[in-house]
N, C-alpha and C. Protein backbone atom coordinates (compact mmCIF):
# COMPACT_ATOMS: atom_id res chain seq x y z
N MET A 1 99.51 90.82 60.61
CA MET A 1 100.01 90.03 61.81
C MET A 1 101.04 89.47 61.71
N ASN A 2 102.34 89.58 62.41
CA ASN A 2 103.22 88.77 61.89
C ASN A 2 103.14 87.58 62.88
N GLU A 3 103.62 86.54 61.74
CA GLU A 3 103.31 84.67 61.72
C GLU A 3 103.98 84.54 63.09
N TRP A 4 105.14 85.13 63.54
CA TRP A 4 105.79 84.48 65.26
C TRP A 4 104.64 84.67 66.36
N ILE A 5 103.59 86.24 65.86
CA ILE A 5 102.60 86.17 67.66
C ILE A 5 101.33 85.83 66.63
N PRO A 6 101.26 84.45 67.66
CA PRO A 6 99.08 84.25 66.92
C PRO A 6 98.21 85.54 67.71
N LYS A 7 97.34 85.44 66.64
CA LYS A 7 96.60 86.45 66.45
C LYS A 7 95.99 86.37 68.55
N ARG A 8 95.88 85.48 68.72
CA ARG A 8 94.82 85.10 70.00
C ARG A 8 96.38 84.86 70.75
N SER A 9 97.37 85.39 70.55
CA SER A 9 98.77 85.66 72.22
C SER A 9 98.47 87.25 71.93
N ILE A 10 97.83 87.57 70.75
CA ILE A 10 98.39 89.39 70.81
C ILE A 10 98.20 90.46 72.57
N GLY A 11 97.69 89.88 73.67
CA GLY A 11 97.14 90.05 74.62
C GLY A 11 98.93 89.99 75.55
N ALA A 12 99.83 88.91 75.09
CA ALA A 12 101.12 88.35 75.49
C ALA A 12 101.82 89.93 75.31
N VAL A 13 101.54 90.58 74.41
CA VAL A 13 102.49 92.28 74.22
C VAL A 13 101.75 93.44 75.18
N PRO A 14 103.39 93.95 75.34
CA PRO A 14 103.09 94.79 76.84
C PRO A 14 102.29 96.05 76.21
N LEU A 15 101.65 96.11 76.97
CA LEU A 15 101.11 97.58 76.21
C LEU A 15 102.12 98.99 76.37
N ASN A 16 102.90 98.90 77.88
CA ASN A 16 103.44 99.50 77.90
C ASN A 16 104.90 100.05 77.52
N GLY A 17 105.41 97.85 76.90
CA GLY A 17 106.73 98.68 76.26
C GLY A 17 106.14 98.93 74.95
N LEU A 18 105.25 98.79 74.52
CA LEU A 18 104.41 99.32 72.73
C LEU A 18 104.34 101.24 72.86
N ARG A 19 103.83 101.93 74.37
CA ARG A 19 103.93 102.94 74.27
C ARG A 19 105.69 103.55 74.73
N THR A 20 106.26 103.08 75.20
CA THR A 20 107.60 103.18 75.45
C THR A 20 108.07 102.93 74.47
N PHE A 21 108.45 102.01 73.37
CA PHE A 21 108.70 102.38 71.91
C PHE A 21 108.24 103.15 71.50
N GLU A 22 106.84 103.44 71.48
CA GLU A 22 106.81 104.82 70.02
C GLU A 22 106.84 105.71 70.54
N VAL A 23 106.89 106.16 72.79
CA VAL A 23 107.94 107.57 72.09
C VAL A 23 109.14 107.34 72.20
N VAL A 24 110.13 107.09 72.33
CA VAL A 24 111.46 106.53 72.61
C VAL A 24 111.54 106.99 70.78
N ALA A 25 110.90 106.04 69.26
CA ALA A 25 111.21 106.38 68.37
C ALA A 25 110.38 107.77 68.31
N ARG A 26 109.76 108.67 68.75
CA ARG A 26 109.96 109.46 68.44
C ARG A 26 110.47 110.82 68.82
N HIS A 27 110.98 110.52 70.18
CA HIS A 27 112.00 111.02 70.57
C HIS A 27 113.68 111.02 70.21
N MET A 28 113.85 109.58 69.28
CA MET A 28 115.00 109.32 69.51
C MET A 28 115.93 109.02 70.37
N SER A 29 115.75 109.40 72.03
CA SER A 29 116.22 109.50 72.99
C SER A 29 115.76 109.07 73.82
N LEU A 30 116.65 108.28 75.05
CA LEU A 30 116.15 107.77 75.93
C LEU A 30 115.64 108.58 77.03
N LYS A 31 116.67 109.62 77.48
CA LYS A 31 116.36 110.20 78.26
C LYS A 31 114.77 111.52 78.52
N LYS A 32 115.07 111.16 77.44
CA LYS A 32 113.78 112.36 76.90
C LYS A 32 112.17 111.39 76.91
N ALA A 33 112.49 110.37 76.71
CA ALA A 33 111.65 109.45 76.89
C ALA A 33 111.10 108.85 77.49
N ALA A 34 112.12 109.03 78.76
CA ALA A 34 111.97 108.28 80.58
C ALA A 34 111.27 109.95 80.68
N GLU A 35 111.52 111.17 80.33
CA GLU A 35 111.09 112.29 81.26
C GLU A 35 109.45 112.67 81.05
N GLU A 36 109.43 112.10 79.43
CA GLU A 36 107.84 111.83 78.87
C GLU A 36 106.83 111.22 80.04
N LEU A 37 107.37 109.74 80.27
CA LEU A 37 106.47 108.65 80.29
C LEU A 37 106.83 108.89 82.00
N ASN A 38 107.61 109.96 82.34
CA ASN A 38 108.19 109.54 83.93
C ASN A 38 108.41 108.08 84.45
N VAL A 39 109.56 107.72 84.32
CA VAL A 39 110.30 106.69 84.47
C VAL A 39 111.50 106.93 84.02
N THR A 40 112.38 106.30 84.87
CA THR A 40 113.92 106.43 84.69
C THR A 40 114.38 106.09 83.61
N PRO A 41 115.47 105.86 83.07
CA PRO A 41 116.12 106.32 81.38
C PRO A 41 116.69 103.96 81.63
N SER A 42 116.53 103.50 82.93
CA SER A 42 116.80 102.19 82.75
C SER A 42 115.46 101.39 83.09
N ALA A 43 114.44 102.12 83.50
CA ALA A 43 112.60 102.01 83.13
C ALA A 43 112.68 101.50 81.28
N VAL A 44 112.82 102.33 80.63
CA VAL A 44 112.32 102.60 79.23
C VAL A 44 113.62 101.74 79.10
N SER A 45 114.70 100.74 78.95
CA SER A 45 115.54 100.37 78.60
C SER A 45 115.25 98.67 79.07
N HIS A 46 114.99 98.58 79.72
CA HIS A 46 114.17 97.49 80.52
C HIS A 46 112.69 97.25 79.51
N ARG A 47 111.95 98.24 79.80
CA ARG A 47 110.37 98.01 79.02
C ARG A 47 110.86 97.83 77.52
N LEU A 48 111.82 98.18 76.81
CA LEU A 48 112.41 97.87 75.34
C LEU A 48 112.23 97.11 75.13
N ARG A 49 113.94 96.56 75.71
CA ARG A 49 114.10 94.99 75.86
C ARG A 49 113.05 93.46 75.72
N VAL A 50 111.77 93.62 76.70
CA VAL A 50 111.42 93.30 77.11
C VAL A 50 110.17 93.12 75.62
N LEU A 51 109.80 94.56 75.06
CA LEU A 51 109.02 94.00 74.16
C LEU A 51 109.73 93.69 72.80
N GLU A 52 110.75 93.63 73.48
CA GLU A 52 111.75 93.31 71.88
C GLU A 52 112.02 91.49 71.89
N ARG A 53 112.01 90.99 73.66
CA ARG A 53 112.32 89.90 73.25
C ARG A 53 111.02 88.92 73.12
N VAL A 54 109.81 89.64 73.74
CA VAL A 54 108.14 89.26 73.12
C VAL A 54 108.10 88.77 71.45
N LEU A 55 108.34 90.47 70.97
CA LEU A 55 107.89 90.08 69.64
C LEU A 55 109.07 89.73 68.85
N GLY A 56 110.34 89.15 69.49
CA GLY A 56 111.42 88.17 68.93
C GLY A 56 112.19 88.89 67.75
N CYS A 57 112.20 90.46 68.03
CA CYS A 57 112.38 91.14 67.24
C CYS A 57 113.38 92.51 67.26
N LYS A 58 114.32 92.88 67.09
CA LYS A 58 114.97 93.92 67.70
C LYS A 58 114.00 94.96 66.57
N LEU A 59 114.18 96.63 67.68
CA LEU A 59 113.53 97.49 66.87
C LEU A 59 114.32 98.57 66.85
N MET A 60 115.24 98.12 67.97
CA MET A 60 116.66 99.97 67.12
C MET A 60 117.45 98.85 67.82
N HIS A 61 118.63 99.67 66.83
CA HIS A 61 119.50 99.17 67.44
C HIS A 61 120.28 100.52 68.55
N ARG A 62 120.95 100.06 69.54
CA ARG A 62 121.66 101.34 70.17
C ARG A 62 123.05 101.18 70.71
N GLN A 63 123.97 102.25 70.35
CA GLN A 63 125.03 102.27 70.59
C GLN A 63 125.16 103.32 71.30
N GLY A 64 125.59 103.47 73.09
CA GLY A 64 125.39 104.37 74.02
C GLY A 64 124.14 105.13 73.66
N ALA A 65 124.59 106.45 73.73
CA ALA A 65 123.48 107.72 72.68
C ALA A 65 122.49 106.72 71.44
N GLU A 66 123.39 106.68 70.91
CA GLU A 66 123.00 106.86 69.57
C GLU A 66 121.87 105.76 69.15
N MET A 67 120.82 105.83 68.36
CA MET A 67 119.90 104.85 68.38
C MET A 67 119.31 104.84 66.97
N GLN A 68 118.89 103.76 66.07
CA GLN A 68 118.95 103.85 64.44
C GLN A 68 117.53 102.65 65.05
N LEU A 69 116.16 103.35 64.21
CA LEU A 69 115.90 101.94 64.42
C LEU A 69 115.90 101.31 62.79
N THR A 70 115.45 99.71 63.14
CA THR A 70 115.57 98.61 62.76
C THR A 70 114.43 98.85 62.03
N HIS A 71 114.78 97.84 60.73
CA HIS A 71 113.51 98.13 59.53
C HIS A 71 111.59 98.02 60.39
N ASN A 72 111.85 96.66 61.05
CA ASN A 72 110.84 96.42 61.77
C ASN A 72 110.23 97.84 62.69
N GLY A 73 111.14 98.73 63.09
CA GLY A 73 111.07 100.45 64.21
C GLY A 73 110.66 100.76 63.09
N ARG A 74 110.94 100.71 62.16
CA ARG A 74 110.30 102.03 60.95
C ARG A 74 108.92 101.74 60.67
N VAL A 75 108.66 100.47 60.73
CA VAL A 75 107.13 99.79 60.29
C VAL A 75 106.24 99.77 61.56
N LEU A 76 106.89 99.91 62.75
CA LEU A 76 105.58 99.21 64.25
C LEU A 76 105.89 101.09 64.11
N ALA A 77 106.77 101.78 64.39
CA ALA A 77 106.68 103.56 64.94
C ALA A 77 105.65 104.35 64.43
N PRO A 78 105.33 104.26 62.85
CA PRO A 78 103.90 105.00 62.81
C PRO A 78 102.73 104.15 62.96
N ALA A 79 102.79 102.95 62.99
CA ALA A 79 101.44 102.02 63.23
C ALA A 79 100.82 102.86 64.63
N LEU A 80 102.40 102.99 65.53
CA LEU A 80 101.50 102.84 67.00
C LEU A 80 101.50 104.79 67.16
N SER A 81 102.06 104.77 66.33
CA SER A 81 101.70 106.88 66.66
C SER A 81 100.63 107.08 65.94
N HIS A 82 99.86 106.44 65.14
CA HIS A 82 98.37 106.39 64.53
C HIS A 82 97.66 106.18 65.92
N GLY A 83 97.54 104.68 65.91
CA GLY A 83 96.94 103.97 67.06
C GLY A 83 97.02 104.59 68.08
N PHE A 84 97.78 105.33 68.66
CA PHE A 84 97.88 106.09 70.41
C PHE A 84 97.07 107.51 69.68
N GLU A 85 97.19 108.03 68.80
CA GLU A 85 96.44 108.99 68.42
C GLU A 85 95.70 108.99 68.28
N ILE A 86 94.55 107.96 68.08
CA ILE A 86 93.16 107.37 67.83
C ILE A 86 92.77 107.26 68.93
N ILE A 87 93.41 106.37 70.43
CA ILE A 87 92.70 106.36 70.97
C ILE A 87 92.51 107.55 72.37
N VAL A 88 93.83 108.56 71.55
CA VAL A 88 93.72 109.48 72.50
C VAL A 88 92.46 110.59 71.90
N ASP A 89 92.36 110.55 71.02
CA ASP A 89 91.01 111.66 70.20
C ASP A 89 90.04 110.99 70.96
N ALA A 90 89.56 109.69 70.92
CA ALA A 90 88.39 108.67 71.34
C ALA A 90 88.37 109.28 73.04
N VAL A 91 89.13 109.18 73.94
CA VAL A 91 88.74 109.67 75.61
C VAL A 91 88.48 110.92 75.20
N GLY A 92 89.30 112.22 74.39
CA GLY A 92 88.61 113.21 74.37
C GLY A 92 87.71 113.66 73.86
N ASN A 93 86.63 112.29 73.58
CA ASN A 93 85.48 112.76 73.21
C ASN A 93 84.21 112.05 73.67
N LEU A 94 84.58 111.84 74.96
CA LEU A 94 84.05 110.86 76.08
C LEU A 94 83.38 112.46 76.56
N GLN A 95 81.86 112.24 77.00
CA GLN A 95 81.41 113.12 77.08
C GLN A 95 81.34 112.33 79.11
N PRO A 96 80.90 113.52 79.66
CA PRO A 96 81.03 113.69 81.44
C PRO A 96 79.10 112.81 81.17
N ASP A 97 78.79 112.16 81.93
CA ASP A 97 77.65 111.13 82.66
C ASP A 97 76.93 112.63 83.40
C-alpha cells in the first residue's frame, strides 16, 4: 500500500473511480468507457479527476483524445482488472436461496 493512503483510510478511495479508471485503461478511450459505464464522457473525466486527487498522483496523461498511462497507471490498471475479475467470478458462483 502506498504511504500516502494509510490502510485505515482506504475507504476514502472512490470505488466508482477505480472502476472507471479500469475501464478507461482497458479501452484507452473516454468515449468507449462512458458507453460501457452508461455515463457521459464528462462524468468519466470527473471520476478520474476525483480519483487522481484522492490518490495524490496522476494515472494518465490526457491531451485531447490521446491518452497514455503514467507509471502509476500502468501499475494500478492490471491490478484493478484482476481484482474486478475476481469479484465477477465470485458473484457468478453465488447460488440462489
